[in-house]
Amino acid sequence: MNITLWIIQGLTTLGFIYSGWLKAFQYEKAKASWGWIKDLPKGLVLFIGLAELLGAIGVILPEALDIAPILTPVAAAALAVIILLGAALHVSRKEYRELVVNLVFILLALFVAIGRF
C-alpha cells in the first residue's frame, strides 16, 4: 500500500505542478489552453496556481522528509477542495468534459489524504 500511495502522490504532484506552474507563471499560455481563465481575474488565477504548487509540494515533502508528515494528508485534502471548487466552476459554465479530469484528480488527492491519514 505504501508503494501505491507514493505512486499516487507522485502522479498528483506532477499534475498539480504542471497546472499550477501554467496558472502562476505562464498566464498567457494557460489562457490560451483553458477558456475559463479568460473569465477570471488574473490575480485569482495566480492565487489558484500558487495554491496548487504549494499543495503539490505538501503532498510529497512532509512525508518524504518525515518532517510533520501529517501535512501530507492535509495538503492532499486541500487540493481536493481546490479541485472541487474548479469542478463547480466548470459545471456553472457547462464545461462538462472538464469534469473528467477534475474527478480523476479528486480521487487521486482523496486517496492520498485517506491513505496517509
PDB file of N, CA and C in Angstrom:
ATOM      1  N   MET A   1       0.821  -1.193   0.000  1.00  0.00           N
ATOM      2  CA  MET A   1       0.000   0.000   0.000  1.00  0.00           C
ATOM      3  C   MET A   1       0.869   1.264   0.000  1.00  0.00           C
ATOM      4  N   ASN A   2       1.990   1.226   0.729  1.00  0.00           N
ATOM      5  CA  ASN A   2       2.882   2.371   0.789  1.00  0.00           C
ATOM      6  C   ASN A   2       3.414   2.729  -0.598  1.00  0.00           C
ATOM      7  N   ILE A   3       3.777   1.718  -1.379  1.00  0.00           N
ATOM      8  CA  ILE A   3       4.282   1.962  -2.739  1.00  0.00           C
ATOM      9  C   ILE A   3       3.188   2.580  -3.598  1.00  0.00           C
ATOM     10  N   THR A   4       1.987   2.063  -3.486  1.00  0.00           N
ATOM     11  CA  THR A   4       0.855   2.606  -4.245  1.00  0.00           C
ATOM     12  C   THR A   4       0.618   4.070  -3.876  1.00  0.00           C
ATOM     13  N   LEU A   5       0.670   4.364  -2.589  1.00  0.00           N
ATOM     14  CA  LEU A   5       0.482   5.742  -2.150  1.00  0.00           C
ATOM     15  C   LEU A   5       1.562   6.659  -2.717  1.00  0.00           C
ATOM     16  N   TRP A   6       2.810   6.199  -2.732  1.00  0.00           N
ATOM     17  CA  TRP A   6       3.886   7.024  -3.285  1.00  0.00           C
ATOM     18  C   TRP A   6       3.692   7.267  -4.785  1.00  0.00           C
ATOM     19  N   ILE A   7       3.241   6.254  -5.491  1.00  0.00           N
ATOM     20  CA  ILE A   7       2.972   6.425  -6.928  1.00  0.00           C
ATOM     21  C   ILE A   7       1.866   7.446  -7.143  1.00  0.00           C
ATOM     22  N   ILE A   8       0.786   7.318  -6.375  1.00  0.00           N
ATOM     23  CA  ILE A   8      -0.334   8.256  -6.491  1.00  0.00           C
ATOM     24  C   ILE A   8       0.103   9.664  -6.083  1.00  0.00           C
ATOM     25  N   GLN A   9       0.904   9.767  -5.030  1.00  0.00           N
ATOM     26  CA  GLN A   9       1.416  11.073  -4.624  1.00  0.00           C
ATOM     27  C   GLN A   9       2.255  11.690  -5.743  1.00  0.00           C
ATOM     28  N   GLY A  10       3.072  10.889  -6.386  1.00  0.00           N
ATOM     29  CA  GLY A  10       3.895  11.379  -7.484  1.00  0.00           C
ATOM     30  C   GLY A  10       3.062  11.862  -8.657  1.00  0.00           C
ATOM     31  N   LEU A  11       2.057  11.088  -9.033  1.00  0.00           N
ATOM     32  CA  LEU A  11       1.179  11.488 -10.136  1.00  0.00           C
ATOM     33  C   LEU A  11       0.405  12.761  -9.801  1.00  0.00           C
ATOM     34  N   THR A  12      -0.086  12.827  -8.581  1.00  0.00           N
ATOM     35  CA  THR A  12      -0.824  14.007  -8.144  1.00  0.00           C
ATOM     36  C   THR A  12       0.077  15.232  -8.166  1.00  0.00           C
ATOM     37  N   THR A  13       1.277  15.063  -7.648  1.00  0.00           N
ATOM     38  CA  THR A  13       2.232  16.169  -7.623  1.00  0.00           C
ATOM     39  C   THR A  13       2.576  16.645  -9.030  1.00  0.00           C
ATOM     40  N   LEU A  14       2.845  15.733  -9.929  1.00  0.00           N
ATOM     41  CA  LEU A  14       3.171  16.122 -11.304  1.00  0.00           C
ATOM     42  C   LEU A  14       2.028  16.885 -11.961  1.00  0.00           C
ATOM     43  N   GLY A  15       0.818  16.402 -11.789  1.00  0.00           N
ATOM     44  CA  GLY A  15      -0.341  17.069 -12.367  1.00  0.00           C
ATOM     45  C   GLY A  15      -0.516  18.483 -11.838  1.00  0.00           C
ATOM     46  N   PHE A  16      -0.340  18.652 -10.530  1.00  0.00           N
ATOM     47  CA  PHE A  16      -0.530  19.980  -9.946  1.00  0.00           C
ATOM     48  C   PHE A  16       0.649  20.906 -10.191  1.00  0.00           C
ATOM     49  N   ILE A  17       1.842  20.366 -10.328  1.00  0.00           N
ATOM     50  CA  ILE A  17       2.978  21.226 -10.694  1.00  0.00           C
ATOM     51  C   ILE A  17       2.759  21.778 -12.096  1.00  0.00           C
ATOM     52  N   TYR A  18       2.325  20.934 -13.014  1.00  0.00           N
ATOM     53  CA  TYR A  18       2.056  21.389 -14.378  1.00  0.00           C
ATOM     54  C   TYR A  18       0.962  22.458 -14.380  1.00  0.00           C
ATOM     55  N   SER A  19      -0.159  22.141 -13.780  1.00  0.00           N
ATOM     56  CA  SER A  19      -1.304  23.047 -13.772  1.00  0.00           C
ATOM     57  C   SER A  19      -0.985  24.336 -13.023  1.00  0.00           C
ATOM     58  N   GLY A  20      -0.396  24.209 -11.852  1.00  0.00           N
ATOM     59  CA  GLY A  20      -0.069  25.383 -11.046  1.00  0.00           C
ATOM     60  C   GLY A  20       0.967  26.274 -11.702  1.00  0.00           C
ATOM     61  N   TRP A  21       1.971  25.662 -12.329  1.00  0.00           N
ATOM     62  CA  TRP A  21       3.018  26.429 -12.995  1.00  0.00           C
ATOM     63  C   TRP A  21       2.436  27.266 -14.124  1.00  0.00           C
ATOM     64  N   LEU A  22       1.569  26.651 -14.927  1.00  0.00           N
ATOM     65  CA  LEU A  22       0.947  27.405 -16.007  1.00  0.00           C
ATOM     66  C   LEU A  22       0.145  28.585 -15.465  1.00  0.00           C
ATOM     67  N   LYS A  23      -0.651  28.330 -14.455  1.00  0.00           N
ATOM     68  CA  LYS A  23      -1.506  29.389 -13.919  1.00  0.00           C
ATOM     69  C   LYS A  23      -0.694  30.486 -13.244  1.00  0.00           C
ATOM     70  N   ALA A  24       0.361  30.117 -12.534  1.00  0.00           N
ATOM     71  CA  ALA A  24       1.121  31.093 -11.759  1.00  0.00           C
ATOM     72  C   ALA A  24       2.181  31.828 -12.575  1.00  0.00           C
ATOM     73  N   PHE A  25       2.819  31.141 -13.528  1.00  0.00           N
ATOM     74  CA  PHE A  25       3.983  31.731 -14.181  1.00  0.00           C
ATOM     75  C   PHE A  25       3.902  31.817 -15.698  1.00  0.00           C
ATOM     76  N   GLN A  26       2.893  31.201 -16.278  1.00  0.00           N
ATOM     77  CA  GLN A  26       2.724  31.266 -17.730  1.00  0.00           C
ATOM     78  C   GLN A  26       1.258  31.561 -18.049  1.00  0.00           C
ATOM     79  N   TYR A  27       0.828  32.695 -17.553  1.00  0.00           N
ATOM     80  CA  TYR A  27      -0.584  33.069 -17.629  1.00  0.00           C
ATOM     81  C   TYR A  27      -1.108  33.066 -19.064  1.00  0.00           C
ATOM     82  N   GLU A  28      -0.368  33.646 -19.996  1.00  0.00           N
ATOM     83  CA  GLU A  28      -0.843  33.733 -21.382  1.00  0.00           C
ATOM     84  C   GLU A  28      -1.009  32.343 -22.006  1.00  0.00           C
ATOM     85  N   LYS A  29      -0.072  31.453 -21.724  1.00  0.00           N
ATOM     86  CA  LYS A  29      -0.173  30.084 -22.232  1.00  0.00           C
ATOM     87  C   LYS A  29      -1.378  29.371 -21.607  1.00  0.00           C
ATOM     88  N   ALA A  30      -1.580  29.581 -20.305  1.00  0.00           N
ATOM     89  CA  ALA A  30      -2.730  28.976 -19.624  1.00  0.00           C
ATOM     90  C   ALA A  30      -4.031  29.527 -20.195  1.00  0.00           C
ATOM     91  N   LYS A  31      -4.061  30.836 -20.453  1.00  0.00           N
ATOM     92  CA  LYS A  31      -5.260  31.465 -21.001  1.00  0.00           C
ATOM     93  C   LYS A  31      -5.579  30.910 -22.386  1.00  0.00           C
ATOM     94  N   ALA A  32      -4.543  30.615 -23.166  1.00  0.00           N
ATOM     95  CA  ALA A  32      -4.751  30.036 -24.492  1.00  0.00           C
ATOM     96  C   ALA A  32      -5.220  28.578 -24.396  1.00  0.00           C
ATOM     97  N   SER A  33      -4.804  27.881 -23.343  1.00  0.00           N
ATOM     98  CA  SER A  33      -5.141  26.460 -23.193  1.00  0.00           C
ATOM     99  C   SER A  33      -6.511  26.234 -22.566  1.00  0.00           C
ATOM    100  N   TRP A  34      -6.860  27.062 -21.605  1.00  0.00           N
ATOM    101  CA  TRP A  34      -8.090  26.877 -20.840  1.00  0.00           C
ATOM    102  C   TRP A  34      -8.975  28.113 -20.973  1.00  0.00           C
ATOM    103  N   GLY A  35     -10.118  27.959 -21.596  1.00  0.00           N
ATOM    104  CA  GLY A  35     -11.010  29.079 -21.851  1.00  0.00           C
ATOM    105  C   GLY A  35     -11.538  29.769 -20.606  1.00  0.00           C
ATOM    106  N   TRP A  36     -11.702  29.035 -19.535  1.00  0.00           N
ATOM    107  CA  TRP A  36     -12.282  29.608 -18.319  1.00  0.00           C
ATOM    108  C   TRP A  36     -11.397  30.680 -17.705  1.00  0.00           C
ATOM    109  N   ILE A  37     -10.107  30.632 -17.978  1.00  0.00           N
ATOM    110  CA  ILE A  37      -9.180  31.602 -17.376  1.00  0.00           C
ATOM    111  C   ILE A  37      -9.495  33.018 -17.842  1.00  0.00           C
ATOM    112  N   LYS A  38      -9.991  33.150 -19.055  1.00  0.00           N
ATOM    113  CA  LYS A  38     -10.318  34.475 -19.596  1.00  0.00           C
ATOM    114  C   LYS A  38     -11.406  35.172 -18.784  1.00  0.00           C
ATOM    115  N   ASP A  39     -12.214  34.405 -18.080  1.00  0.00           N
ATOM    116  CA  ASP A  39     -13.345  34.969 -17.346  1.00  0.00           C
ATOM    117  C   ASP A  39     -13.061  35.219 -15.867  1.00  0.00           C
ATOM    118  N   LEU A  40     -11.844  34.931 -15.429  1.00  0.00           N
ATOM    119  CA  LEU A  40     -11.478  35.157 -14.033  1.00  0.00           C
ATOM    120  C   LEU A  40     -10.406  36.237 -13.953  1.00  0.00           C
ATOM    121  N   PRO A  41     -10.363  36.969 -12.856  1.00  0.00           N
ATOM    122  CA  PRO A  41      -9.298  37.962 -12.691  1.00  0.00           C
ATOM    123  C   PRO A  41      -7.920  37.282 -12.669  1.00  0.00           C
ATOM    124  N   LYS A  42      -6.946  37.949 -13.250  1.00  0.00           N
ATOM    125  CA  LYS A  42      -5.593  37.386 -13.317  1.00  0.00           C
ATOM    126  C   LYS A  42      -5.055  37.075 -11.921  1.00  0.00           C
ATOM    127  N   GLY A  43      -5.356  37.924 -10.960  1.00  0.00           N
ATOM    128  CA  GLY A  43      -4.900  37.688  -9.589  1.00  0.00           C
ATOM    129  C   GLY A  43      -5.461  36.407  -8.995  1.00  0.00           C
ATOM    130  N   LEU A  44      -6.711  36.101  -9.293  1.00  0.00           N
ATOM    131  CA  LEU A  44      -7.315  34.861  -8.794  1.00  0.00           C
ATOM    132  C   LEU A  44      -6.664  33.647  -9.441  1.00  0.00           C
ATOM    133  N   VAL A  45      -6.382  33.738 -10.738  1.00  0.00           N
ATOM    134  CA  VAL A  45      -5.714  32.634 -11.437  1.00  0.00           C
ATOM    135  C   VAL A  45      -4.319  32.421 -10.849  1.00  0.00           C
ATOM    136  N   LEU A  46      -3.603  33.515 -10.570  1.00  0.00           N
ATOM    137  CA  LEU A  46      -2.282  33.421  -9.944  1.00  0.00           C
ATOM    138  C   LEU A  46      -2.389  32.765  -8.574  1.00  0.00           C
ATOM    139  N   PHE A  47      -3.377  33.182  -7.786  1.00  0.00           N
ATOM    140  CA  PHE A  47      -3.589  32.596  -6.463  1.00  0.00           C
ATOM    141  C   PHE A  47      -3.859  31.088  -6.554  1.00  0.00           C
ATOM    142  N   ILE A  48      -4.714  30.694  -7.477  1.00  0.00           N
ATOM    143  CA  ILE A  48      -5.029  29.272  -7.659  1.00  0.00           C
ATOM    144  C   ILE A  48      -3.760  28.505  -8.033  1.00  0.00           C
ATOM    145  N   GLY A  49      -2.981  29.065  -8.951  1.00  0.00           N
ATOM    146  CA  GLY A  49      -1.743  28.417  -9.369  1.00  0.00           C
ATOM    147  C   GLY A  49      -0.764  28.246  -8.222  1.00  0.00           C
ATOM    148  N   LEU A  50      -0.583  29.288  -7.423  1.00  0.00           N
ATOM    149  CA  LEU A  50       0.333  29.194  -6.278  1.00  0.00           C
ATOM    150  C   LEU A  50      -0.182  28.197  -5.240  1.00  0.00           C
ATOM    151  N   ALA A  51      -1.493  28.177  -5.018  1.00  0.00           N
ATOM    152  CA  ALA A  51      -2.081  27.210  -4.080  1.00  0.00           C
ATOM    153  C   ALA A  51      -1.849  25.786  -4.564  1.00  0.00           C
ATOM    154  N   GLU A  52      -1.981  25.570  -5.878  1.00  0.00           N
ATOM    155  CA  GLU A  52      -1.743  24.236  -6.427  1.00  0.00           C
ATOM    156  C   GLU A  52      -0.267  23.846  -6.291  1.00  0.00           C
ATOM    157  N   LEU A  53       0.628  24.782  -6.526  1.00  0.00           N
ATOM    158  CA  LEU A  53       2.054  24.479  -6.377  1.00  0.00           C
ATOM    159  C   LEU A  53       2.411  24.154  -4.931  1.00  0.00           C
ATOM    160  N   LEU A  54       1.902  24.940  -4.001  1.00  0.00           N
ATOM    161  CA  LEU A  54       2.152  24.655  -2.580  1.00  0.00           C
ATOM    162  C   LEU A  54       1.550  23.319  -2.160  1.00  0.00           C
ATOM    163  N   GLY A  55       0.355  23.039  -2.660  1.00  0.00           N
ATOM    164  CA  GLY A  55      -0.277  21.756  -2.361  1.00  0.00           C
ATOM    165  C   GLY A  55       0.524  20.587  -2.914  1.00  0.00           C
ATOM    166  N   ALA A  56       1.052  20.755  -4.124  1.00  0.00           N
ATOM    167  CA  ALA A  56       1.867  19.697  -4.741  1.00  0.00           C
ATOM    168  C   ALA A  56       3.110  19.426  -3.905  1.00  0.00           C
ATOM    169  N   ILE A  57       3.741  20.487  -3.430  1.00  0.00           N
ATOM    170  CA  ILE A  57       4.915  20.322  -2.566  1.00  0.00           C
ATOM    171  C   ILE A  57       4.511  19.641  -1.267  1.00  0.00           C
ATOM    172  N   GLY A  58       3.358  20.044  -0.727  1.00  0.00           N
ATOM    173  CA  GLY A  58       2.885  19.472   0.525  1.00  0.00           C
ATOM    174  C   GLY A  58       2.484  18.013   0.443  1.00  0.00           C
ATOM    175  N   VAL A  59       2.145  17.553  -0.745  1.00  0.00           N
ATOM    176  CA  VAL A  59       1.771  16.142  -0.914  1.00  0.00           C
ATOM    177  C   VAL A  59       3.004  15.239  -0.863  1.00  0.00           C
ATOM    178  N   ILE A  60       4.162  15.782  -1.190  1.00  0.00           N
ATOM    179  CA  ILE A  60       5.382  14.968  -1.251  1.00  0.00           C
ATOM    180  C   ILE A  60       6.324  15.207  -0.070  1.00  0.00           C
ATOM    181  N   LEU A  61       6.736  16.454   0.131  1.00  0.00           N
ATOM    182  CA  LEU A  61       7.852  16.732   1.047  1.00  0.00           C
ATOM    183  C   LEU A  61       7.651  16.335   2.504  1.00  0.00           C
ATOM    184  N   PRO A  62       6.542  16.656   3.148  1.00  0.00           N
ATOM    185  CA  PRO A  62       6.439  16.286   4.570  1.00  0.00           C
ATOM    186  C   PRO A  62       6.605  14.784   4.805  1.00  0.00           C
ATOM    187  N   GLU A  63       6.001  13.995   3.958  1.00  0.00           N
ATOM    188  CA  GLU A  63       6.108  12.533   4.104  1.00  0.00           C
ATOM    189  C   GLU A  63       7.508  12.056   3.729  1.00  0.00           C
ATOM    190  N   ALA A  64       8.060  12.594   2.660  1.00  0.00           N
ATOM    191  CA  ALA A  64       9.385  12.158   2.187  1.00  0.00           C
ATOM    192  C   ALA A  64      10.480  12.518   3.185  1.00  0.00           C
ATOM    193  N   LEU A  65      10.385  13.694   3.789  1.00  0.00           N
ATOM    194  CA  LEU A  65      11.411  14.145   4.729  1.00  0.00           C
ATOM    195  C   LEU A  65      11.116  13.738   6.164  1.00  0.00           C
ATOM    196  N   ASP A  66       9.946  13.165   6.392  1.00  0.00           N
ATOM    197  CA  ASP A  66       9.493  12.779   7.727  1.00  0.00           C
ATOM    198  C   ASP A  66       9.524  13.963   8.690  1.00  0.00           C
ATOM    199  N   ILE A  67       9.157  15.121   8.159  1.00  0.00           N
ATOM    200  CA  ILE A  67       9.032  16.331   8.962  1.00  0.00           C
ATOM    201  C   ILE A  67       7.566  16.751   8.898  1.00  0.00           C
ATOM    202  N   ALA A  68       6.877  16.620  10.001  1.00  0.00           N
ATOM    203  CA  ALA A  68       5.445  16.926  10.087  1.00  0.00           C
ATOM    204  C   ALA A  68       4.663  16.187   8.996  1.00  0.00           C
ATOM    205  N   PRO A  69       4.769  14.856   8.941  1.00  0.00           N
ATOM    206  CA  PRO A  69       4.096  14.104   7.882  1.00  0.00           C
ATOM    207  C   PRO A  69       2.574  14.236   7.881  1.00  0.00           C
ATOM    208  N   ILE A  70       1.991  14.752   8.944  1.00  0.00           N
ATOM    209  CA  ILE A  70       0.542  14.978   8.960  1.00  0.00           C
ATOM    210  C   ILE A  70       0.147  16.019   7.916  1.00  0.00           C
ATOM    211  N   LEU A  71       1.108  16.830   7.486  1.00  0.00           N
ATOM    212  CA  LEU A  71       0.815  17.840   6.473  1.00  0.00           C
ATOM    213  C   LEU A  71       0.529  17.238   5.102  1.00  0.00           C
ATOM    214  N   THR A  72       1.008  16.017   4.852  1.00  0.00           N
ATOM    215  CA  THR A  72       0.746  15.381   3.555  1.00  0.00           C
ATOM    216  C   THR A  72      -0.747  15.146   3.332  1.00  0.00           C
ATOM    217  N   PRO A  73      -1.466  14.491   4.259  1.00  0.00           N
ATOM    218  CA  PRO A  73      -2.902  14.328   4.012  1.00  0.00           C
ATOM    219  C   PRO A  73      -3.654  15.657   4.055  1.00  0.00           C
ATOM    220  N   VAL A  74      -3.175  16.610   4.833  1.00  0.00           N
ATOM    221  CA  VAL A  74      -3.814  17.926   4.873  1.00  0.00           C
ATOM    222  C   VAL A  74      -3.682  18.602   3.510  1.00  0.00           C
ATOM    223  N   ALA A  75      -2.488  18.553   2.936  1.00  0.00           N
ATOM    224  CA  ALA A  75      -2.266  19.143   1.612  1.00  0.00           C
ATOM    225  C   ALA A  75      -3.110  18.439   0.556  1.00  0.00           C
ATOM    226  N   ALA A  76      -3.181  17.121   0.626  1.00  0.00           N
ATOM    227  CA  ALA A  76      -3.978  16.370  -0.343  1.00  0.00           C
ATOM    228  C   ALA A  76      -5.457  16.729  -0.225  1.00  0.00           C
ATOM    229  N   ALA A  77      -5.950  16.857   0.997  1.00  0.00           N
ATOM    230  CA  ALA A  77      -7.351  17.233   1.201  1.00  0.00           C
ATOM    231  C   ALA A  77      -7.603  18.654   0.692  1.00  0.00           C
ATOM    232  N   ALA A  78      -6.651  19.558   0.924  1.00  0.00           N
ATOM    233  CA  ALA A  78      -6.795  20.935   0.434  1.00  0.00           C
ATOM    234  C   ALA A  78      -6.828  20.962  -1.091  1.00  0.00           C
ATOM    235  N   LEU A  79      -5.998  20.135  -1.735  1.00  0.00           N
ATOM    236  CA  LEU A  79      -6.033  20.053  -3.193  1.00  0.00           C
ATOM    237  C   LEU A  79      -7.377  19.515  -3.681  1.00  0.00           C
ATOM    238  N   ALA A  80      -7.932  18.555  -2.956  1.00  0.00           N
ATOM    239  CA  ALA A  80      -9.248  18.028  -3.331  1.00  0.00           C
ATOM    240  C   ALA A  80     -10.303  19.128  -3.276  1.00  0.00           C
ATOM    241  N   VAL A  81     -10.205  20.007  -2.296  1.00  0.00           N
ATOM    242  CA  VAL A  81     -11.146  21.126  -2.186  1.00  0.00           C
ATOM    243  C   VAL A  81     -10.963  22.083  -3.364  1.00  0.00           C
ATOM    244  N   ILE A  82      -9.713  22.385  -3.718  1.00  0.00           N
ATOM    245  CA  ILE A  82      -9.448  23.259  -4.862  1.00  0.00           C
ATOM    246  C   ILE A  82     -10.059  22.658  -6.130  1.00  0.00           C
ATOM    247  N   ILE A  83      -9.881  21.361  -6.309  1.00  0.00           N
ATOM    248  CA  ILE A  83     -10.424  20.692  -7.496  1.00  0.00           C
ATOM    249  C   ILE A  83     -11.951  20.719  -7.477  1.00  0.00           C
ATOM    250  N   LEU A  84     -12.518  20.497  -6.320  1.00  0.00           N
ATOM    251  CA  LEU A  84     -13.978  20.529  -6.194  1.00  0.00           C
ATOM    252  C   LEU A  84     -14.524  21.913  -6.563  1.00  0.00           C
ATOM    253  N   LEU A  85     -13.852  22.948  -6.126  1.00  0.00           N
ATOM    254  CA  LEU A  85     -14.267  24.303  -6.492  1.00  0.00           C
ATOM    255  C   LEU A  85     -14.109  24.533  -7.994  1.00  0.00           C
ATOM    256  N   GLY A  86     -13.034  23.993  -8.571  1.00  0.00           N
ATOM    257  CA  GLY A  86     -12.856  24.081 -10.018  1.00  0.00           C
ATOM    258  C   GLY A  86     -13.955  23.339 -10.759  1.00  0.00           C
ATOM    259  N   ALA A  87     -14.338  22.183 -10.242  1.00  0.00           N
ATOM    260  CA  ALA A  87     -15.415  21.415 -10.866  1.00  0.00           C
ATOM    261  C   ALA A  87     -16.724  22.200 -10.820  1.00  0.00           C
ATOM    262  N   ALA A  88     -16.973  22.877  -9.711  1.00  0.00           N
ATOM    263  CA  ALA A  88     -18.181  23.694  -9.604  1.00  0.00           C
ATOM    264  C   ALA A  88     -18.165  24.813 -10.643  1.00  0.00           C
ATOM    265  N   LEU A  89     -16.993  25.407 -10.863  1.00  0.00           N
ATOM    266  CA  LEU A  89     -16.874  26.435 -11.902  1.00  0.00           C
ATOM    267  C   LEU A  89     -17.196  25.854 -13.270  1.00  0.00           C
ATOM    268  N   HIS A  90     -16.662  24.664 -13.560  1.00  0.00           N
ATOM    269  CA  HIS A  90     -16.922  24.033 -14.858  1.00  0.00           C
ATOM    270  C   HIS A  90     -18.410  23.703 -15.038  1.00  0.00           C
ATOM    271  N   VAL A  91     -19.049  23.250 -13.983  1.00  0.00           N
ATOM    272  CA  VAL A  91     -20.483  22.959 -14.068  1.00  0.00           C
ATOM    273  C   VAL A  91     -21.257  24.241 -14.347  1.00  0.00           C
ATOM    274  N   SER A  92     -20.898  25.330 -13.654  1.00  0.00           N
ATOM    275  CA  SER A  92     -21.608  26.591 -13.866  1.00  0.00           C
ATOM    276  C   SER A  92     -21.411  27.118 -15.287  1.00  0.00           C
ATOM    277  N   ARG A  93     -20.299  26.758 -15.913  1.00  0.00           N
ATOM    278  CA  ARG A  93     -20.017  27.189 -17.287  1.00  0.00           C
ATOM    279  C   ARG A  93     -20.446  26.137 -18.313  1.00  0.00           C
ATOM    280  N   LYS A  94     -21.047  25.060 -17.832  1.00  0.00           N
ATOM    281  CA  LYS A  94     -21.489  23.955 -18.686  1.00  0.00           C
ATOM    282  C   LYS A  94     -20.324  23.326 -19.465  1.00  0.00           C
ATOM    283  N   GLU A  95     -19.168  23.239 -18.820  1.00  0.00           N
ATOM    284  CA  GLU A  95     -17.978  22.609 -19.402  1.00  0.00           C
ATOM    285  C   GLU A  95     -17.856  21.193 -18.832  1.00  0.00           C
ATOM    286  N   TYR A  96     -18.757  20.342 -19.243  1.00  0.00           N
ATOM    287  CA  TYR A  96     -18.864  19.025 -18.634  1.00  0.00           C
ATOM    288  C   TYR A  96     -17.689  18.106 -18.978  1.00  0.00           C
ATOM    289  N   ARG A  97     -17.055  18.318 -20.109  1.00  0.00           N
ATOM    290  CA  ARG A  97     -15.900  17.479 -20.472  1.00  0.00           C
ATOM    291  C   ARG A  97     -14.744  17.670 -19.494  1.00  0.00           C
ATOM    292  N   GLU A  98     -14.622  18.857 -18.932  1.00  0.00           N
ATOM    293  CA  GLU A  98     -13.546  19.147 -17.980  1.00  0.00           C
ATOM    294  C   GLU A  98     -13.720  18.372 -16.674  1.00  0.00           C
ATOM    295  N   LEU A  99     -14.934  17.941 -16.401  1.00  0.00           N
ATOM    296  CA  LEU A  99     -15.210  17.269 -15.129  1.00  0.00           C
ATOM    297  C   LEU A  99     -14.496  15.927 -14.999  1.00  0.00           C
ATOM    298  N   VAL A 100     -14.188  15.293 -16.109  1.00  0.00           N
ATOM    299  CA  VAL A 100     -13.491  14.005 -16.052  1.00  0.00           C
ATOM    300  C   VAL A 100     -12.121  14.186 -15.417  1.00  0.00           C
ATOM    301  N   VAL A 101     -11.386  15.205 -15.855  1.00  0.00           N
ATOM    302  CA  VAL A 101     -10.063  15.483 -15.276  1.00  0.00           C
ATOM    303  C   VAL A 101     -10.209  15.837 -13.808  1.00  0.00           C
ATOM    304  N   ASN A 102     -11.212  16.668 -13.483  1.00  0.00           N
ATOM    305  CA  ASN A 102     -11.453  17.019 -12.084  1.00  0.00           C
ATOM    306  C   ASN A 102     -11.727  15.778 -11.238  1.00  0.00           C
ATOM    307  N   LEU A 103     -12.554  14.893 -11.741  1.00  0.00           N
ATOM    308  CA  LEU A 103     -12.892  13.685 -10.996  1.00  0.00           C
ATOM    309  C   LEU A 103     -11.659  12.821 -10.753  1.00  0.00           C
ATOM    310  N   VAL A 104     -10.823  12.656 -11.758  1.00  0.00           N
ATOM    311  CA  VAL A 104      -9.601  11.850 -11.604  1.00  0.00           C
ATOM    312  C   VAL A 104      -8.718  12.448 -10.512  1.00  0.00           C
ATOM    313  N   PHE A 105      -8.503  13.768 -10.560  1.00  0.00           N
ATOM    314  CA  PHE A 105      -7.613  14.371  -9.572  1.00  0.00           C
ATOM    315  C   PHE A 105      -8.237  14.459  -8.184  1.00  0.00           C
ATOM    316  N   ILE A 106      -9.554  14.569  -8.100  1.00  0.00           N
ATOM    317  CA  ILE A 106     -10.207  14.499  -6.787  1.00  0.00           C
ATOM    318  C   ILE A 106      -9.978  13.118  -6.178  1.00  0.00           C
ATOM    319  N   LEU A 107     -10.163  12.089  -6.987  1.00  0.00           N
ATOM    320  CA  LEU A 107      -9.964  10.722  -6.479  1.00  0.00           C
ATOM    321  C   LEU A 107      -8.513  10.481  -6.063  1.00  0.00           C
ATOM    322  N   LEU A 108      -7.564  10.966  -6.862  1.00  0.00           N
ATOM    323  CA  LEU A 108      -6.151  10.805  -6.506  1.00  0.00           C
ATOM    324  C   LEU A 108      -5.841  11.517  -5.193  1.00  0.00           C
ATOM    325  N   ALA A 109      -6.281  12.766  -5.086  1.00  0.00           N
ATOM    326  CA  ALA A 109      -5.998  13.539  -3.874  1.00  0.00           C
ATOM    327  C   ALA A 109      -6.668  12.921  -2.645  1.00  0.00           C
ATOM    328  N   LEU A 110      -7.899  12.485  -2.787  1.00  0.00           N
ATOM    329  CA  LEU A 110      -8.592  11.856  -1.655  1.00  0.00           C
ATOM    330  C   LEU A 110      -7.949  10.531  -1.262  1.00  0.00           C
ATOM    331  N   PHE A 111      -7.472   9.773  -2.251  1.00  0.00           N
ATOM    332  CA  PHE A 111      -6.775   8.518  -1.962  1.00  0.00           C
ATOM    333  C   PHE A 111      -5.545   8.798  -1.105  1.00  0.00           C
ATOM    334  N   VAL A 112      -4.784   9.825  -1.469  1.00  0.00           N
ATOM    335  CA  VAL A 112      -3.601  10.189  -0.684  1.00  0.00           C
ATOM    336  C   VAL A 112      -4.013  10.674   0.707  1.00  0.00           C
ATOM    337  N   ALA A 113      -5.020  11.548   0.757  1.00  0.00           N
ATOM    338  CA  ALA A 113      -5.442  12.095   2.053  1.00  0.00           C
ATOM    339  C   ALA A 113      -5.884  10.988   3.010  1.00  0.00           C
ATOM    340  N   ILE A 114      -6.681  10.078   2.515  1.00  0.00           N
ATOM    341  CA  ILE A 114      -7.173   8.990   3.365  1.00  0.00           C
ATOM    342  C   ILE A 114      -6.066   7.998   3.673  1.00  0.00           C
ATOM    343  N   GLY A 115      -5.287   7.652   2.666  1.00  0.00           N
ATOM    344  CA  GLY A 115      -4.213   6.664   2.847  1.00  0.00           C
ATOM    345  C   GLY A 115      -3.114   7.122   3.781  1.00  0.00           C
ATOM    346  N   ARG A 116      -2.808   8.393   3.775  1.00  0.00           N
ATOM    347  CA  ARG A 116      -1.742   8.915   4.633  1.00  0.00           C
ATOM    348  C   ARG A 116      -2.234   9.383   5.999  1.00  0.00           C
ATOM    349  N   PHE A 117      -3.557   9.483   6.152  1.00  0.00           N
ATOM    350  CA  PHE A 117      -4.099   9.890   7.440  1.00  0.00           C
ATOM    351  C   PHE A 117      -4.082   8.696   8.365  1.00  0.00           C
TER     352      PHE A 117
END
